[in-house]
Amino acid sequence: MSEKLPPIAPATGLRPRYWETVPLKKMSGAEWEALCDGCGKCCLNKIEYEDDGEVAFTRVACRLLDGDTCRCTNYAIRHQFVPECVQLTPKKLEKIAYWLPQTCAYRLVHEGKPLPDWHPLISGDPETVHIEGASVRGWTVPETSVSEDDWENYIIKERP
């Protein structure tokens, strides 16, 4: 007998605690998008070293990242401006989960781990990610002001 999912929450259109019961591949578009906590960490430029595959995060942010809101300024058409921007899908997640921040909800759900208390789906408040200090608000450098040759000078010592 299959377990019934809770009804859809009328205010959001999302099933309550769906990330605990719905596989990533079966989530609706709205559920998938709501997993994003708005931290902005995935918009940090990274250096992937060819010799060992290590990924280093930098404080250098994508030119489309708004450093105050930690959201993309042109999300719907971002590929027109940043063709290399990764559109995360369940299939791609399997290949690049290692590349995502350790606190990323997509990565956590993929790994079977719980969301942190500050995640907006848990707290009900999109500001908790910033209040907790789990976002990049206030400490990024726009990529337009840093040469790619200098990104190593902006490496974050601890992976976010």
N, C-alpha and C. Protein backbone atom coordinates (compact mmCIF):
# COMPACT_ATOMS: atom_id res chain seq x y z
N MET A 1 0.85 -1.18 0.00
CA MET A 1 0.00 0.00 0.00
C MET A 1 0.89 1.24 0.00
N SER A 2 0.64 2.17 -0.87
CA SER A 2 1.48 3.36 -0.94
C SER A 2 1.02 4.39 0.07
N GLU A 3 1.99 5.12 0.60
CA GLU A 3 1.71 6.16 1.58
C GLU A 3 1.13 7.38 0.87
N LYS A 4 0.06 7.93 1.42
CA LYS A 4 -0.53 9.12 0.82
C LYS A 4 0.27 10.34 1.22
N LEU A 5 0.44 11.23 0.26
CA LEU A 5 1.13 12.49 0.53
C LEU A 5 0.15 13.46 1.18
N PRO A 6 0.66 14.38 2.00
CA PRO A 6 -0.22 15.38 2.59
C PRO A 6 -0.84 16.23 1.49
N PRO A 7 -1.97 16.86 1.77
CA PRO A 7 -2.58 17.72 0.75
C PRO A 7 -1.70 18.92 0.45
N ILE A 8 -1.98 19.56 -0.66
CA ILE A 8 -1.22 20.75 -1.03
C ILE A 8 -1.63 21.90 -0.12
N ALA A 9 -0.64 22.62 0.39
CA ALA A 9 -0.91 23.78 1.24
C ALA A 9 -1.49 24.88 0.37
N PRO A 10 -2.69 25.37 0.67
CA PRO A 10 -3.37 26.32 -0.21
C PRO A 10 -2.62 27.64 -0.39
N ALA A 11 -1.94 28.12 0.61
CA ALA A 11 -1.28 29.43 0.51
C ALA A 11 -0.11 29.40 -0.46
N THR A 12 0.60 28.29 -0.53
CA THR A 12 1.80 28.23 -1.36
C THR A 12 1.65 27.32 -2.57
N GLY A 13 0.70 26.43 -2.55
CA GLY A 13 0.57 25.46 -3.62
C GLY A 13 1.55 24.31 -3.46
N LEU A 14 2.26 24.29 -2.34
CA LEU A 14 3.25 23.25 -2.08
C LEU A 14 2.71 22.26 -1.06
N ARG A 15 3.02 20.99 -1.25
CA ARG A 15 2.64 19.99 -0.26
C ARG A 15 3.50 20.19 0.99
N PRO A 16 2.90 20.10 2.17
CA PRO A 16 3.69 20.26 3.39
C PRO A 16 4.83 19.25 3.47
N ARG A 17 6.02 19.76 3.78
CA ARG A 17 7.23 18.95 3.96
C ARG A 17 7.46 17.96 2.81
N TYR A 18 7.12 18.39 1.61
CA TYR A 18 7.22 17.54 0.42
C TYR A 18 8.63 17.02 0.19
N TRP A 19 9.65 17.77 0.54
CA TRP A 19 11.04 17.38 0.31
C TRP A 19 11.42 16.12 1.09
N GLU A 20 10.62 15.77 2.09
CA GLU A 20 10.89 14.56 2.87
C GLU A 20 10.22 13.33 2.26
N THR A 21 9.26 13.53 1.38
CA THR A 21 8.49 12.39 0.86
C THR A 21 8.49 12.28 -0.67
N VAL A 22 8.76 13.38 -1.34
CA VAL A 22 8.69 13.38 -2.81
C VAL A 22 10.10 13.29 -3.38
N PRO A 23 10.39 12.30 -4.20
CA PRO A 23 11.72 12.22 -4.83
C PRO A 23 11.96 13.47 -5.69
N LEU A 24 13.19 13.89 -5.77
CA LEU A 24 13.54 15.08 -6.55
C LEU A 24 12.97 15.02 -7.96
N LYS A 25 13.03 13.87 -8.59
CA LYS A 25 12.56 13.72 -9.97
C LYS A 25 11.04 13.83 -10.10
N LYS A 26 10.33 13.72 -8.98
CA LYS A 26 8.86 13.76 -9.01
C LYS A 26 8.30 15.09 -8.50
N MET A 27 9.17 16.02 -8.13
CA MET A 27 8.70 17.31 -7.63
C MET A 27 8.14 18.15 -8.76
N SER A 28 7.14 18.95 -8.42
CA SER A 28 6.60 19.90 -9.40
C SER A 28 7.64 20.99 -9.60
N GLY A 29 7.45 21.79 -10.63
CA GLY A 29 8.37 22.90 -10.87
C GLY A 29 8.41 23.86 -9.69
N ALA A 30 7.25 24.15 -9.11
CA ALA A 30 7.19 25.05 -7.96
C ALA A 30 7.91 24.44 -6.75
N GLU A 31 7.75 23.15 -6.54
CA GLU A 31 8.42 22.49 -5.42
C GLU A 31 9.94 22.51 -5.62
N TRP A 32 10.37 22.23 -6.84
CA TRP A 32 11.80 22.25 -7.15
C TRP A 32 12.39 23.63 -6.87
N GLU A 33 11.76 24.66 -7.39
CA GLU A 33 12.26 26.02 -7.22
C GLU A 33 12.24 26.44 -5.75
N ALA A 34 11.24 26.01 -5.00
CA ALA A 34 11.13 26.38 -3.58
C ALA A 34 12.23 25.75 -2.74
N LEU A 35 12.88 24.72 -3.24
CA LEU A 35 14.00 24.13 -2.49
C LEU A 35 15.16 25.11 -2.35
N CYS A 36 15.29 26.01 -3.30
CA CYS A 36 16.38 26.99 -3.24
C CYS A 36 16.18 27.86 -2.01
N ASP A 37 17.20 27.95 -1.17
CA ASP A 37 17.09 28.74 0.06
C ASP A 37 17.44 30.21 -0.14
N GLY A 38 17.94 30.56 -1.33
CA GLY A 38 18.29 31.95 -1.60
C GLY A 38 19.60 32.39 -0.99
N CYS A 39 20.51 31.45 -0.77
CA CYS A 39 21.79 31.80 -0.15
C CYS A 39 22.75 32.48 -1.12
N GLY A 40 22.63 32.18 -2.41
CA GLY A 40 23.51 32.77 -3.42
C GLY A 40 24.84 32.06 -3.58
N LYS A 41 25.11 31.02 -2.80
CA LYS A 41 26.41 30.34 -2.84
C LYS A 41 26.68 29.67 -4.18
N CYS A 42 25.64 29.19 -4.83
CA CYS A 42 25.87 28.53 -6.12
C CYS A 42 26.28 29.54 -7.19
N CYS A 43 26.06 30.82 -6.92
CA CYS A 43 26.42 31.88 -7.87
C CYS A 43 27.84 32.40 -7.65
N LEU A 44 28.55 31.79 -6.71
CA LEU A 44 29.96 32.15 -6.53
C LEU A 44 30.77 31.44 -7.60
N ASN A 45 31.73 32.14 -8.16
CA ASN A 45 32.60 31.50 -9.13
C ASN A 45 33.52 30.53 -8.41
N LYS A 46 33.75 29.42 -9.07
CA LYS A 46 34.55 28.36 -8.48
C LYS A 46 35.74 28.06 -9.38
N ILE A 47 36.75 27.52 -8.77
CA ILE A 47 37.92 27.06 -9.51
C ILE A 47 37.96 25.55 -9.32
N GLU A 48 37.91 24.82 -10.44
CA GLU A 48 38.03 23.37 -10.35
C GLU A 48 39.41 23.00 -10.88
N TYR A 49 40.20 22.40 -10.01
CA TYR A 49 41.57 22.05 -10.37
C TYR A 49 41.59 20.74 -11.16
N GLU A 50 42.22 20.79 -12.33
CA GLU A 50 42.23 19.64 -13.23
C GLU A 50 43.00 18.46 -12.66
N ASP A 51 44.06 18.72 -11.90
CA ASP A 51 44.89 17.62 -11.43
C ASP A 51 44.20 16.71 -10.41
N ASP A 52 43.36 17.27 -9.53
CA ASP A 52 42.72 16.44 -8.51
C ASP A 52 41.20 16.59 -8.44
N GLY A 53 40.63 17.44 -9.30
CA GLY A 53 39.19 17.63 -9.32
C GLY A 53 38.65 18.45 -8.16
N GLU A 54 39.52 18.96 -7.30
CA GLU A 54 39.10 19.77 -6.16
C GLU A 54 38.40 21.04 -6.65
N VAL A 55 37.37 21.44 -5.92
CA VAL A 55 36.63 22.65 -6.25
C VAL A 55 36.85 23.67 -5.14
N ALA A 56 37.33 24.84 -5.53
CA ALA A 56 37.54 25.93 -4.57
C ALA A 56 36.51 27.01 -4.84
N PHE A 57 35.79 27.40 -3.81
CA PHE A 57 34.83 28.50 -3.94
C PHE A 57 35.57 29.82 -3.74
N THR A 58 35.12 30.84 -4.46
CA THR A 58 35.70 32.17 -4.30
C THR A 58 34.61 33.14 -3.84
N ARG A 59 35.02 34.31 -3.42
CA ARG A 59 34.08 35.39 -3.07
C ARG A 59 33.62 36.14 -4.32
N VAL A 60 34.13 35.75 -5.46
CA VAL A 60 33.79 36.41 -6.72
C VAL A 60 32.45 35.87 -7.20
N ALA A 61 31.47 36.77 -7.30
CA ALA A 61 30.11 36.37 -7.64
C ALA A 61 29.81 36.60 -9.11
N CYS A 62 28.94 35.79 -9.63
CA CYS A 62 28.42 35.96 -10.99
C CYS A 62 27.93 37.40 -11.15
N ARG A 63 28.13 37.92 -12.34
CA ARG A 63 27.74 39.31 -12.60
C ARG A 63 26.24 39.56 -12.45
N LEU A 64 25.43 38.50 -12.46
CA LEU A 64 23.99 38.66 -12.32
C LEU A 64 23.50 38.54 -10.87
N LEU A 65 24.38 38.21 -9.95
CA LEU A 65 23.96 38.06 -8.56
C LEU A 65 23.79 39.41 -7.89
N ASP A 66 22.64 39.62 -7.29
CA ASP A 66 22.41 40.82 -6.48
C ASP A 66 22.95 40.50 -5.09
N GLY A 67 23.99 41.20 -4.68
CA GLY A 67 24.66 40.92 -3.41
C GLY A 67 23.83 41.18 -2.17
N ASP A 68 22.75 41.95 -2.30
CA ASP A 68 21.88 42.23 -1.16
C ASP A 68 20.76 41.20 -1.02
N THR A 69 20.15 40.83 -2.14
CA THR A 69 19.05 39.86 -2.08
C THR A 69 19.55 38.42 -2.22
N CYS A 70 20.76 38.25 -2.75
CA CYS A 70 21.33 36.93 -3.02
C CYS A 70 20.51 36.17 -4.06
N ARG A 71 19.92 36.90 -4.97
CA ARG A 71 19.12 36.31 -6.05
C ARG A 71 19.65 36.80 -7.40
N CYS A 72 19.39 36.03 -8.41
CA CYS A 72 19.78 36.39 -9.76
C CYS A 72 18.92 37.54 -10.25
N THR A 73 19.55 38.52 -10.84
CA THR A 73 18.82 39.69 -11.34
C THR A 73 18.07 39.42 -12.64
N ASN A 74 18.42 38.33 -13.33
CA ASN A 74 17.77 37.97 -14.59
C ASN A 74 17.58 36.46 -14.70
N TYR A 75 17.04 35.87 -13.66
CA TYR A 75 16.97 34.41 -13.57
C TYR A 75 16.33 33.77 -14.81
N ALA A 76 15.21 34.27 -15.24
CA ALA A 76 14.49 33.64 -16.36
C ALA A 76 15.28 33.64 -17.66
N ILE A 77 16.11 34.65 -17.86
CA ILE A 77 16.87 34.75 -19.12
C ILE A 77 18.38 34.79 -18.86
N ARG A 78 18.80 34.21 -17.76
CA ARG A 78 20.22 34.28 -17.35
C ARG A 78 21.17 33.70 -18.38
N HIS A 79 20.73 32.69 -19.12
CA HIS A 79 21.62 32.06 -20.11
C HIS A 79 21.95 32.98 -21.28
N GLN A 80 21.16 34.00 -21.48
CA GLN A 80 21.48 34.98 -22.51
C GLN A 80 22.71 35.80 -22.11
N PHE A 81 22.89 35.98 -20.81
CA PHE A 81 24.00 36.78 -20.30
C PHE A 81 25.16 35.92 -19.80
N VAL A 82 24.82 34.76 -19.25
CA VAL A 82 25.83 33.85 -18.70
C VAL A 82 25.54 32.45 -19.25
N PRO A 83 26.01 32.18 -20.48
CA PRO A 83 25.70 30.89 -21.11
C PRO A 83 26.17 29.68 -20.31
N GLU A 84 27.22 29.85 -19.51
CA GLU A 84 27.77 28.74 -18.74
C GLU A 84 27.03 28.49 -17.42
N CYS A 85 26.03 29.31 -17.12
CA CYS A 85 25.25 29.11 -15.90
C CYS A 85 24.60 27.73 -15.94
N VAL A 86 24.75 26.99 -14.88
CA VAL A 86 24.20 25.64 -14.82
C VAL A 86 22.73 25.68 -14.43
N GLN A 87 21.89 25.09 -15.25
CA GLN A 87 20.49 24.93 -14.89
C GLN A 87 20.38 23.59 -14.18
N LEU A 88 20.20 23.66 -12.89
CA LEU A 88 20.18 22.46 -12.08
C LEU A 88 18.90 21.66 -12.32
N THR A 89 19.07 20.38 -12.58
CA THR A 89 17.96 19.45 -12.77
C THR A 89 18.29 18.21 -11.93
N PRO A 90 17.29 17.38 -11.64
CA PRO A 90 17.59 16.15 -10.89
C PRO A 90 18.68 15.30 -11.57
N LYS A 91 18.64 15.21 -12.89
CA LYS A 91 19.64 14.41 -13.60
C LYS A 91 21.03 15.01 -13.45
N LYS A 92 21.15 16.34 -13.61
CA LYS A 92 22.45 17.00 -13.45
C LYS A 92 22.94 16.93 -12.02
N LEU A 93 22.01 16.97 -11.08
CA LEU A 93 22.37 16.95 -9.66
C LEU A 93 23.19 15.72 -9.32
N GLU A 94 22.85 14.59 -9.91
CA GLU A 94 23.58 13.36 -9.65
C GLU A 94 25.05 13.48 -10.03
N LYS A 95 25.34 14.30 -11.04
CA LYS A 95 26.71 14.44 -11.52
C LYS A 95 27.49 15.57 -10.84
N ILE A 96 26.75 16.60 -10.36
CA ILE A 96 27.48 17.76 -9.84
C ILE A 96 27.18 18.09 -8.39
N ALA A 97 26.57 17.17 -7.65
CA ALA A 97 26.26 17.44 -6.24
C ALA A 97 27.51 17.86 -5.47
N TYR A 98 28.66 17.28 -5.80
CA TYR A 98 29.91 17.61 -5.11
C TYR A 98 30.29 19.07 -5.29
N TRP A 99 29.80 19.69 -6.33
CA TRP A 99 30.14 21.06 -6.71
C TRP A 99 29.28 22.08 -5.97
N LEU A 100 28.15 21.61 -5.44
CA LEU A 100 27.22 22.51 -4.75
C LEU A 100 27.69 22.77 -3.31
N PRO A 101 27.28 23.90 -2.75
CA PRO A 101 27.62 24.19 -1.35
C PRO A 101 27.09 23.08 -0.43
N GLN A 102 27.77 22.85 0.67
CA GLN A 102 27.37 21.78 1.60
C GLN A 102 26.00 22.01 2.22
N THR A 103 25.56 23.27 2.27
CA THR A 103 24.26 23.58 2.87
C THR A 103 23.14 23.64 1.83
N CYS A 104 23.44 23.41 0.58
CA CYS A 104 22.45 23.50 -0.49
C CYS A 104 21.35 22.46 -0.29
N ALA A 105 20.10 22.92 -0.32
CA ALA A 105 18.96 22.03 -0.11
C ALA A 105 18.89 20.94 -1.17
N TYR A 106 19.23 21.27 -2.41
CA TYR A 106 19.21 20.25 -3.45
C TYR A 106 20.19 19.13 -3.12
N ARG A 107 21.36 19.52 -2.69
CA ARG A 107 22.38 18.54 -2.31
C ARG A 107 21.94 17.76 -1.07
N LEU A 108 21.42 18.45 -0.07
CA LEU A 108 20.99 17.78 1.16
C LEU A 108 19.89 16.76 0.88
N VAL A 109 18.88 17.14 0.12
CA VAL A 109 17.79 16.22 -0.20
C VAL A 109 18.33 15.05 -1.02
N HIS A 110 19.20 15.34 -1.99
CA HIS A 110 19.83 14.29 -2.80
C HIS A 110 20.57 13.29 -1.92
N GLU A 111 21.22 13.79 -0.86
CA GLU A 111 22.00 12.93 0.04
C GLU A 111 21.16 12.34 1.17
N GLY A 112 19.85 12.63 1.18
CA GLY A 112 18.98 12.09 2.22
C GLY A 112 19.13 12.76 3.57
N LYS A 113 19.62 13.99 3.57
CA LYS A 113 19.84 14.73 4.82
C LYS A 113 18.71 15.74 5.02
N PRO A 114 18.48 16.13 6.29
CA PRO A 114 17.41 17.10 6.56
C PRO A 114 17.83 18.53 6.20
N LEU A 115 16.83 19.37 5.97
CA LEU A 115 17.09 20.78 5.74
C LEU A 115 17.39 21.44 7.09
N PRO A 116 18.26 22.45 7.09
CA PRO A 116 18.55 23.16 8.35
C PRO A 116 17.35 23.99 8.80
N ASP A 117 17.30 24.28 10.08
CA ASP A 117 16.18 25.04 10.64
C ASP A 117 16.00 26.41 10.00
N TRP A 118 17.10 27.00 9.49
CA TRP A 118 17.01 28.33 8.89
C TRP A 118 16.48 28.31 7.45
N HIS A 119 16.31 27.15 6.87
CA HIS A 119 15.82 27.08 5.50
C HIS A 119 14.41 27.66 5.47
N PRO A 120 14.10 28.52 4.49
CA PRO A 120 12.76 29.13 4.42
C PRO A 120 11.60 28.14 4.42
N LEU A 121 11.80 26.94 3.88
CA LEU A 121 10.72 25.95 3.92
C LEU A 121 10.44 25.47 5.35
N ILE A 122 11.44 25.55 6.20
CA ILE A 122 11.27 25.15 7.60
C ILE A 122 10.84 26.35 8.45
N SER A 123 11.55 27.45 8.29
CA SER A 123 11.30 28.63 9.13
C SER A 123 10.07 29.43 8.69
N GLY A 124 9.71 29.32 7.41
CA GLY A 124 8.61 30.11 6.88
C GLY A 124 8.99 31.55 6.57
N ASP A 125 10.29 31.86 6.69
CA ASP A 125 10.76 33.23 6.49
C ASP A 125 12.01 33.23 5.61
N PRO A 126 11.96 33.86 4.43
CA PRO A 126 13.12 33.85 3.54
C PRO A 126 14.33 34.63 4.10
N GLU A 127 14.14 35.39 5.15
CA GLU A 127 15.26 36.14 5.73
C GLU A 127 16.12 35.30 6.66
N THR A 128 15.62 34.15 7.12
CA THR A 128 16.39 33.37 8.11
C THR A 128 17.72 32.88 7.55
N VAL A 129 17.80 32.62 6.26
CA VAL A 129 19.06 32.20 5.66
C VAL A 129 20.12 33.29 5.83
N HIS A 130 19.70 34.54 5.77
CA HIS A 130 20.61 35.67 5.92
C HIS A 130 20.90 35.96 7.39
N ILE A 131 19.86 35.89 8.22
CA ILE A 131 20.02 36.13 9.66
C ILE A 131 21.00 35.12 10.24
N GLU A 132 20.91 33.88 9.77
CA GLU A 132 21.79 32.81 10.26
C GLU A 132 23.22 32.96 9.73
N GLY A 133 23.41 33.81 8.74
CA GLY A 133 24.74 33.97 8.15
C GLY A 133 25.06 32.87 7.16
N ALA A 134 24.03 32.20 6.65
CA ALA A 134 24.23 31.09 5.73
C ALA A 134 24.18 31.52 4.27
N SER A 135 24.14 32.82 4.03
CA SER A 135 24.11 33.32 2.66
C SER A 135 25.37 34.14 2.37
N VAL A 136 25.47 34.59 1.14
CA VAL A 136 26.63 35.40 0.74
C VAL A 136 26.34 36.90 0.87
N ARG A 137 25.24 37.24 1.48
CA ARG A 137 24.86 38.66 1.60
C ARG A 137 26.00 39.48 2.23
N GLY A 138 26.41 40.49 1.48
CA GLY A 138 27.36 41.46 2.02
C GLY A 138 28.84 41.12 1.91
N TRP A 139 29.21 39.97 1.35
CA TRP A 139 30.64 39.68 1.30
C TRP A 139 31.16 39.19 -0.05
N THR A 140 30.39 39.39 -1.08
CA THR A 140 30.87 38.99 -2.41
C THR A 140 31.53 40.16 -3.13
N VAL A 141 32.28 39.81 -4.16
CA VAL A 141 32.92 40.77 -5.04
C VAL A 141 32.39 40.47 -6.44
N PRO A 142 31.87 41.46 -7.16
CA PRO A 142 31.34 41.18 -8.50
C PRO A 142 32.45 40.77 -9.48
N GLU A 143 32.16 39.78 -10.30
CA GLU A 143 33.16 39.29 -11.25
C GLU A 143 33.60 40.37 -12.23
N THR A 144 32.78 41.38 -12.41
CA THR A 144 33.14 42.46 -13.32
C THR A 144 34.27 43.33 -12.77
N SER A 145 34.57 43.17 -11.48
CA SER A 145 35.64 43.98 -10.88
C SER A 145 36.91 43.19 -10.61
N VAL A 146 36.93 41.90 -10.99
CA VAL A 146 38.09 41.05 -10.72
C VAL A 146 38.45 40.26 -11.98
N SER A 147 39.68 40.32 -12.36
CA SER A 147 40.15 39.52 -13.49
C SER A 147 40.12 38.04 -13.11
N GLU A 148 39.73 37.19 -14.04
CA GLU A 148 39.70 35.75 -13.76
C GLU A 148 41.06 35.24 -13.31
N ASP A 149 42.13 35.85 -13.78
CA ASP A 149 43.48 35.46 -13.36
C ASP A 149 43.71 35.71 -11.87
N ASP A 150 42.90 36.57 -11.27
CA ASP A 150 43.06 36.91 -9.85
C ASP A 150 42.08 36.20 -8.93
N TRP A 151 41.23 35.33 -9.45
CA TRP A 151 40.25 34.65 -8.62
C TRP A 151 40.89 33.89 -7.46
N GLU A 152 42.06 33.35 -7.67
CA GLU A 152 42.71 32.60 -6.58
C GLU A 152 42.94 33.46 -5.35
N ASN A 153 43.04 34.77 -5.53
CA ASN A 153 43.21 35.68 -4.39
C ASN A 153 41.93 35.82 -3.57
N TYR A 154 40.83 35.28 -4.08
CA TYR A 154 39.53 35.41 -3.41
C TYR A 154 38.97 34.07 -2.96
N ILE A 155 39.80 33.05 -2.91
CA ILE A 155 39.34 31.73 -2.49
C ILE A 155 38.88 31.78 -1.03
N ILE A 156 37.76 31.14 -0.78
CA ILE A 156 37.22 31.02 0.57
C ILE A 156 37.87 29.78 1.19
N LYS A 157 38.50 29.95 2.33
CA LYS A 157 39.26 28.86 2.93
C LYS A 157 38.36 27.68 3.35
N GLU A 158 37.19 27.99 3.93
CA GLU A 158 36.27 26.92 4.29
C GLU A 158 35.16 26.87 3.27
N ARG A 159 34.88 25.71 2.79
CA ARG A 159 33.83 25.57 1.78
C ARG A 159 32.49 25.94 2.39
N PRO A 160 31.75 26.80 1.69
CA PRO A 160 30.45 27.21 2.24
C PRO A 160 29.43 26.08 2.23
